[in-house]
Amino acid sequence: MPDSIKVYQNVHKQDPEKNFGISRMEDIYIKHNGKPDTPHRHDYYTILLVQKARGKHIIDFQEYDLNPSEAFFISPGQVHQVIEYEQSFGFSMVFSNQFLIENNIPQSFIKDLNLFNDYGVAPPLPLAADQLEQLTEYCEQMFTYYHSDKKLRKQAIGAYLKLFLILCNNTCTLTDDNLQQVEAGNSLLRNFKELVDQHYQEWHSSTQYADALNITADHLNRTVKSLIGRTAKEYIQTKLHTEARRMLYFSDLSTKEIGYNLGFSESSHFSAFFKKCDGNSPSEFRKNR
């Protein structure tokens, strides 16, 4: 697919071997003279811990206010752009899957967090004053280790990153006494998400995913909704809608070609689906981009 979007593949442009990075948001603002970057995507994870800011953050075409005391979590592949109206203060962290592997942080740990959404809705996590203070301390420690030559500094950064993620996850997770039930639900959700990533272009029905998971569609929908607030059907539709938007915005493919690539046998079916999700037809969305 032709793609005009800028893609950052390495955590550190000058040193491809580095798989973690941390910067102060105020330094990034000065480096770029306050000018926003063009919409882009990363092949790695990004976290913004915002202490003070005024602006907006666009993630997969959803616009969010950039405010003080909040954290953003951007997954690999998501399109995003930060627009600052004045100098922001906080931290920007980037890390790859390789960094997780080297620090014995399993992919399942990241996938079970209620923080990184692959597409669609990715609102910021609001933070209380004490939470922001604790997370800032973790970032200060990571920043210090990152710019030092101390032994085991990567392992120290990995430990602080895991603490950072755990605190954020506990902030946005409802407590539940039945931990065994929660773990089973998380495992099912993880498997469902992996199947969607593999088959969204051919399977559009929650029943198809339920069959592959050897459960009923009703059980799948109830479990997924209890964990992420959306049914399995809504999750699948969000994936299709986001991928369609990306193609319409960044490629030169025709509406018919995009619909076909996403598994719609008729262009009219794709157009009707897109307009129901978006409020605009594919051609209107592309015209207004």
Protein backbone atom coordinates (compact mmCIF):
# COMPACT_ATOMS: atom_id res chain seq x y z
CA MET A 1 0.00 0.00 0.00
CA PRO A 2 1.46 3.39 -0.90
CA ASP A 3 2.00 5.29 2.32
CA SER A 4 3.11 8.90 2.69
CA ILE A 5 3.15 8.86 6.49
CA LYS A 6 6.45 9.26 8.31
CA VAL A 7 7.41 6.09 10.18
CA TYR A 8 10.05 6.06 12.92
CA GLN A 9 11.47 2.53 13.03
CA ASN A 10 14.26 2.92 15.59
CA VAL A 11 14.00 4.25 19.12
CA HIS A 12 17.20 6.24 18.54
CA LYS A 13 17.86 7.51 15.01
CA GLN A 14 21.63 7.85 15.42
CA ASP A 15 22.07 4.58 17.31
CA PRO A 16 19.81 1.71 16.12
CA GLU A 17 21.17 -0.48 18.94
CA LYS A 18 19.40 1.63 21.58
CA ASN A 19 15.93 0.34 22.44
CA PHE A 20 14.91 2.81 25.16
CA GLY A 21 14.87 6.57 25.29
CA ILE A 22 13.62 9.27 27.64
CA SER A 23 13.50 13.04 27.09
CA ARG A 24 12.04 16.04 28.84
CA MET A 25 9.09 17.50 26.95
CA GLU A 26 10.41 21.03 27.53
CA ASP A 27 13.69 20.11 25.79
CA ILE A 28 11.82 18.63 22.81
CA TYR A 29 9.80 21.85 22.52
CA ILE A 30 12.99 23.96 22.46
CA LYS A 31 14.71 21.62 19.99
CA HIS A 32 11.84 21.97 17.51
CA ASN A 33 11.21 25.67 18.23
CA GLY A 34 7.69 24.82 19.31
CA LYS A 35 6.73 23.55 15.85
CA PRO A 36 4.57 20.41 15.81
CA ASP A 37 5.79 17.35 13.97
CA THR A 38 3.74 16.03 11.09
CA PRO A 39 1.42 13.09 11.86
CA HIS A 40 3.62 10.02 12.17
CA ARG A 41 3.80 6.54 13.62
CA HIS A 42 6.40 4.57 15.55
CA ASP A 43 7.41 0.92 15.46
CA TYR A 44 7.77 1.10 19.26
CA TYR A 45 5.83 2.18 22.36
CA THR A 46 5.56 5.80 23.45
CA ILE A 47 4.49 7.26 26.81
CA LEU A 48 3.97 10.93 27.59
CA LEU A 49 3.85 11.96 31.24
CA VAL A 50 2.45 15.49 31.10
CA GLN A 51 3.12 17.74 34.10
CA LYS A 52 2.14 21.05 32.52
CA ALA A 53 0.82 21.66 29.00
CA ARG A 54 -1.70 23.37 26.79
CA GLY A 55 -2.46 22.04 23.35
CA LYS A 56 -3.86 18.94 21.72
CA HIS A 57 -2.79 15.40 21.00
CA ILE A 58 -4.23 13.64 17.95
CA ILE A 59 -4.16 9.83 18.04
CA ASP A 60 -5.62 7.85 15.13
CA PHE A 61 -7.69 10.90 14.09
CA GLN A 62 -9.16 11.32 17.58
CA GLU A 63 -8.36 14.71 19.10
CA TYR A 64 -7.62 15.03 22.82
CA ASP A 65 -6.79 18.12 24.85
CA LEU A 66 -3.22 18.27 26.10
CA ASN A 67 -3.62 19.21 29.76
CA PRO A 68 -1.58 19.08 32.98
CA SER A 69 -1.43 15.93 35.14
CA GLU A 70 -2.13 13.19 32.64
CA ALA A 71 -0.40 10.36 30.79
CA PHE A 72 -0.74 9.19 27.18
CA PHE A 73 0.06 5.68 25.95
CA ILE A 74 0.69 5.16 22.22
CA SER A 75 1.08 1.67 20.75
CA PRO A 76 3.33 0.72 17.83
CA GLY A 77 1.60 1.57 14.56
CA GLN A 78 -0.73 4.24 15.91
CA VAL A 79 -0.71 7.56 14.04
CA HIS A 80 -0.25 10.53 16.35
CA GLN A 81 0.70 14.22 16.47
CA VAL A 82 1.33 16.55 19.42
CA ILE A 83 0.46 20.23 18.96
CA GLU A 84 1.61 22.55 21.77
CA TYR A 85 0.26 26.07 22.24
CA GLU A 86 3.10 26.82 24.68
CA GLN A 87 6.09 25.02 26.14
CA SER A 88 5.09 21.74 27.78
CA PHE A 89 6.74 20.14 30.79
CA GLY A 90 6.97 16.43 31.48
CA PHE A 91 8.63 13.34 30.05
CA SER A 92 8.50 11.42 26.78
CA MET A 93 9.54 7.76 26.91
CA VAL A 94 10.02 5.36 24.01
CA PHE A 95 10.89 1.67 24.16
CA SER A 96 10.82 -1.33 21.86
CA ASN A 97 9.74 -4.94 22.24
CA GLN A 98 13.43 -5.82 22.40
CA PHE A 99 13.82 -3.68 25.53
CA LEU A 100 10.97 -5.61 27.15
CA ILE A 101 12.60 -8.93 26.25
CA GLU A 102 15.99 -7.87 27.64
CA ASN A 103 14.35 -6.88 30.93
CA ASN A 104 12.24 -10.04 31.27
CA ILE A 105 8.99 -8.11 30.80
CA PRO A 106 6.68 -10.48 28.87
CA GLN A 107 4.48 -9.24 26.05
CA SER A 108 1.51 -10.60 27.99
CA PHE A 109 2.26 -8.07 30.75
CA ILE A 110 1.93 -5.18 28.29
CA LYS A 111 -1.12 -6.65 26.57
CA ASP A 112 -2.94 -7.22 29.87
CA LEU A 113 -2.53 -3.59 30.90
CA ASN A 114 -5.51 -1.30 30.41
CA LEU A 115 -3.18 1.33 28.99
CA PHE A 116 -2.13 0.66 25.39
CA ASN A 117 -4.97 0.56 22.86
CA ASP A 118 -3.89 -0.52 19.39
CA TYR A 119 -6.35 1.72 17.59
CA GLY A 120 -9.43 3.83 18.01
CA VAL A 121 -10.04 5.36 21.42
CA ALA A 122 -6.83 6.19 23.34
CA PRO A 123 -7.73 8.93 25.84
CA PRO A 124 -5.20 10.22 28.37
CA LEU A 125 -5.08 8.86 31.89
CA PRO A 126 -5.90 11.66 34.40
CA LEU A 127 -3.61 11.67 37.43
CA ALA A 128 -4.08 12.86 41.00
CA ALA A 129 -1.35 15.03 42.50
CA ASP A 130 0.23 12.19 44.48
CA GLN A 131 0.16 9.87 41.46
CA LEU A 132 1.83 12.48 39.25
CA GLU A 133 4.48 13.06 41.93
CA GLN A 134 5.28 9.34 42.18
CA LEU A 135 5.39 8.84 38.40
CA THR A 136 7.59 11.91 38.04
CA GLU A 137 10.01 10.39 40.55
CA TYR A 138 10.16 7.17 38.48
CA CYS A 139 10.86 9.23 35.35
CA GLU A 140 13.58 11.25 37.09
CA GLN A 141 15.26 8.00 38.11
CA MET A 142 15.02 6.60 34.57
CA PHE A 143 16.35 9.87 33.16
CA THR A 144 19.32 9.81 35.56
CA TYR A 145 20.19 6.18 34.77
CA TYR A 146 19.72 6.77 31.03
CA HIS A 147 22.35 9.54 31.08
CA SER A 148 24.80 7.65 33.28
CA ASP A 149 27.32 4.88 32.73
CA LYS A 150 26.38 2.97 35.88
CA LYS A 151 26.45 -0.81 35.85
CA LEU A 152 23.13 -2.55 35.23
CA ARG A 153 21.56 0.79 34.25
CA LYS A 154 19.33 -0.88 31.63
CA GLN A 155 17.98 -3.26 34.26
CA ALA A 156 17.35 -0.33 36.62
CA ILE A 157 15.46 1.54 33.89
CA GLY A 158 13.44 -1.61 33.16
CA ALA A 159 12.50 -1.94 36.83
CA TYR A 160 11.37 1.68 37.09
CA LEU A 161 9.44 1.39 33.81
CA LYS A 162 7.58 -1.64 35.13
CA LEU A 163 6.74 0.22 38.36
CA PHE A 164 5.53 3.17 36.27
CA LEU A 165 3.23 0.93 34.21
CA ILE A 166 1.90 -0.93 37.25
CA LEU A 167 1.01 2.31 39.05
CA CYS A 168 -0.74 3.66 35.94
CA ASN A 169 -2.60 0.40 35.39
CA ASN A 170 -3.79 0.29 39.01
CA THR A 171 -4.99 3.87 38.62
CA CYS A 172 -7.35 3.01 35.78
CA THR A 173 -8.37 -0.54 36.76
CA LEU A 174 -11.49 -1.32 38.77
CA THR A 175 -10.81 -3.62 41.69
CA ASP A 176 -12.24 -7.12 41.56
CA ASP A 177 -11.99 -9.71 44.32
CA ASN A 178 -12.24 -12.67 41.93
CA LEU A 179 -8.68 -12.53 40.60
CA GLN A 180 -8.92 -15.94 38.93
CA GLN A 181 -11.92 -14.78 36.92
CA VAL A 182 -10.14 -11.55 35.97
CA GLU A 183 -7.04 -13.44 34.80
CA ALA A 184 -9.17 -15.79 32.70
CA GLY A 185 -10.88 -12.79 31.14
CA ASN A 186 -7.55 -11.10 30.41
CA SER A 187 -6.27 -14.26 28.74
CA LEU A 188 -9.39 -14.47 26.56
CA LEU A 189 -9.15 -10.77 25.67
CA ARG A 190 -5.48 -11.16 24.73
CA ASN A 191 -6.24 -14.13 22.46
CA PHE A 192 -9.19 -12.30 20.91
CA LYS A 193 -7.08 -9.21 20.15
CA GLU A 194 -4.39 -11.35 18.53
CA LEU A 195 -7.01 -13.03 16.34
CA VAL A 196 -8.43 -9.64 15.30
CA ASP A 197 -4.96 -8.45 14.29
CA GLN A 198 -4.54 -11.58 12.18
CA HIS A 199 -8.00 -11.88 10.63
CA TYR A 200 -9.79 -8.48 10.63
CA GLN A 201 -9.55 -8.31 6.83
CA GLU A 202 -11.53 -11.53 6.46
CA TRP A 203 -13.54 -12.02 9.66
CA HIS A 204 -16.01 -9.23 10.42
CA SER A 205 -18.32 -11.14 12.76
CA SER A 206 -17.77 -11.75 16.47
CA THR A 207 -19.20 -15.24 15.92
CA GLN A 208 -16.21 -16.16 13.74
CA TYR A 209 -13.81 -15.19 16.52
CA ALA A 210 -15.91 -16.95 19.16
CA ASP A 211 -15.83 -20.14 17.08
CA ALA A 212 -12.05 -19.92 16.80
CA LEU A 213 -11.84 -19.51 20.59
CA ASN A 214 -14.31 -22.37 21.22
CA ILE A 215 -16.77 -20.19 23.12
CA THR A 216 -20.15 -18.63 22.37
CA ALA A 217 -20.41 -15.17 20.81
CA ASP A 218 -22.45 -14.02 23.81
CA HIS A 219 -19.70 -15.06 26.26
CA LEU A 220 -17.06 -13.33 24.12
CA ASN A 221 -19.05 -10.10 23.94
CA ARG A 222 -19.78 -10.04 27.69
CA THR A 223 -16.16 -10.76 28.65
CA VAL A 224 -14.67 -8.21 26.28
CA LYS A 225 -17.15 -5.52 27.34
CA SER A 226 -16.50 -6.12 31.04
CA LEU A 227 -12.78 -5.49 30.48
CA ILE A 228 -12.63 -2.67 27.91
CA GLY A 229 -16.16 -1.22 27.93
CA ARG A 230 -16.89 -2.28 24.36
CA THR A 231 -18.31 -5.50 22.93
CA ALA A 232 -16.26 -7.75 20.68
CA LYS A 233 -18.34 -6.57 17.71
CA GLU A 234 -17.60 -2.92 18.53
CA TYR A 235 -13.90 -3.71 18.91
CA ILE A 236 -13.79 -5.36 15.46
CA GLN A 237 -15.64 -2.44 13.89
CA THR A 238 -13.25 0.06 15.52
CA LYS A 239 -10.29 -1.83 14.05
CA LEU A 240 -11.83 -1.80 10.56
CA HIS A 241 -12.82 1.87 10.81
CA THR A 242 -9.36 2.95 11.98
CA GLU A 243 -7.58 0.97 9.25
CA ALA A 244 -9.96 2.44 6.67
CA ARG A 245 -9.23 5.96 7.89
CA ARG A 246 -5.49 5.36 7.72
CA MET A 247 -5.74 4.09 4.15
CA LEU A 248 -7.99 6.93 3.04
CA TYR A 249 -5.71 9.51 4.62
CA PHE A 250 -2.28 8.18 3.75
CA SER A 251 -2.67 6.11 0.56
CA ASP A 252 -3.77 6.75 -3.00
CA LEU A 253 -5.91 3.61 -3.18
CA SER A 254 -9.46 4.05 -4.44
CA THR A 255 -12.41 3.54 -2.12
CA LYS A 256 -13.19 0.32 -3.95
CA GLU A 257 -9.62 -0.96 -3.46
CA ILE A 258 -9.62 -0.07 0.23
CA GLY A 259 -12.95 -1.80 0.76
CA TYR A 260 -11.65 -4.89 -1.02
CA ASN A 261 -8.44 -4.89 1.08
CA LEU A 262 -10.58 -4.79 4.21
CA GLY A 263 -12.72 -7.74 3.16
CA PHE A 264 -15.83 -6.00 1.79
CA SER A 265 -17.11 -7.77 -1.32
CA GLU A 266 -19.01 -4.70 -2.53
CA SER A 267 -17.84 -1.08 -2.54
CA SER A 268 -21.33 -0.01 -1.45
CA HIS A 269 -21.11 -2.24 1.64
CA PHE A 270 -17.81 -0.64 2.64
CA SER A 271 -19.15 2.88 2.08
CA ALA A 272 -22.25 2.17 4.16
CA PHE A 273 -20.12 0.68 6.97
CA PHE A 274 -17.73 3.63 6.96
CA LYS A 275 -20.47 6.25 6.98
CA LYS A 276 -22.23 4.50 9.87
CA CYS A 277 -19.00 4.58 11.93
CA ASP A 278 -17.68 7.94 10.83
CA GLY A 279 -20.67 10.10 9.95
CA ASN A 280 -19.00 10.87 6.61
CA SER A 281 -18.69 8.84 3.47
CA PRO A 282 -15.17 7.65 2.51
CA SER A 283 -14.96 10.29 -0.24
CA GLU A 284 -16.09 13.04 2.18
CA PHE A 285 -13.49 11.95 4.77
CA ARG A 286 -10.73 11.97 2.12
CA LYS A 287 -11.86 15.36 0.76
CA ASN A 288 -11.77 16.94 4.25
CA ARG A 289 -8.45 15.40 5.31
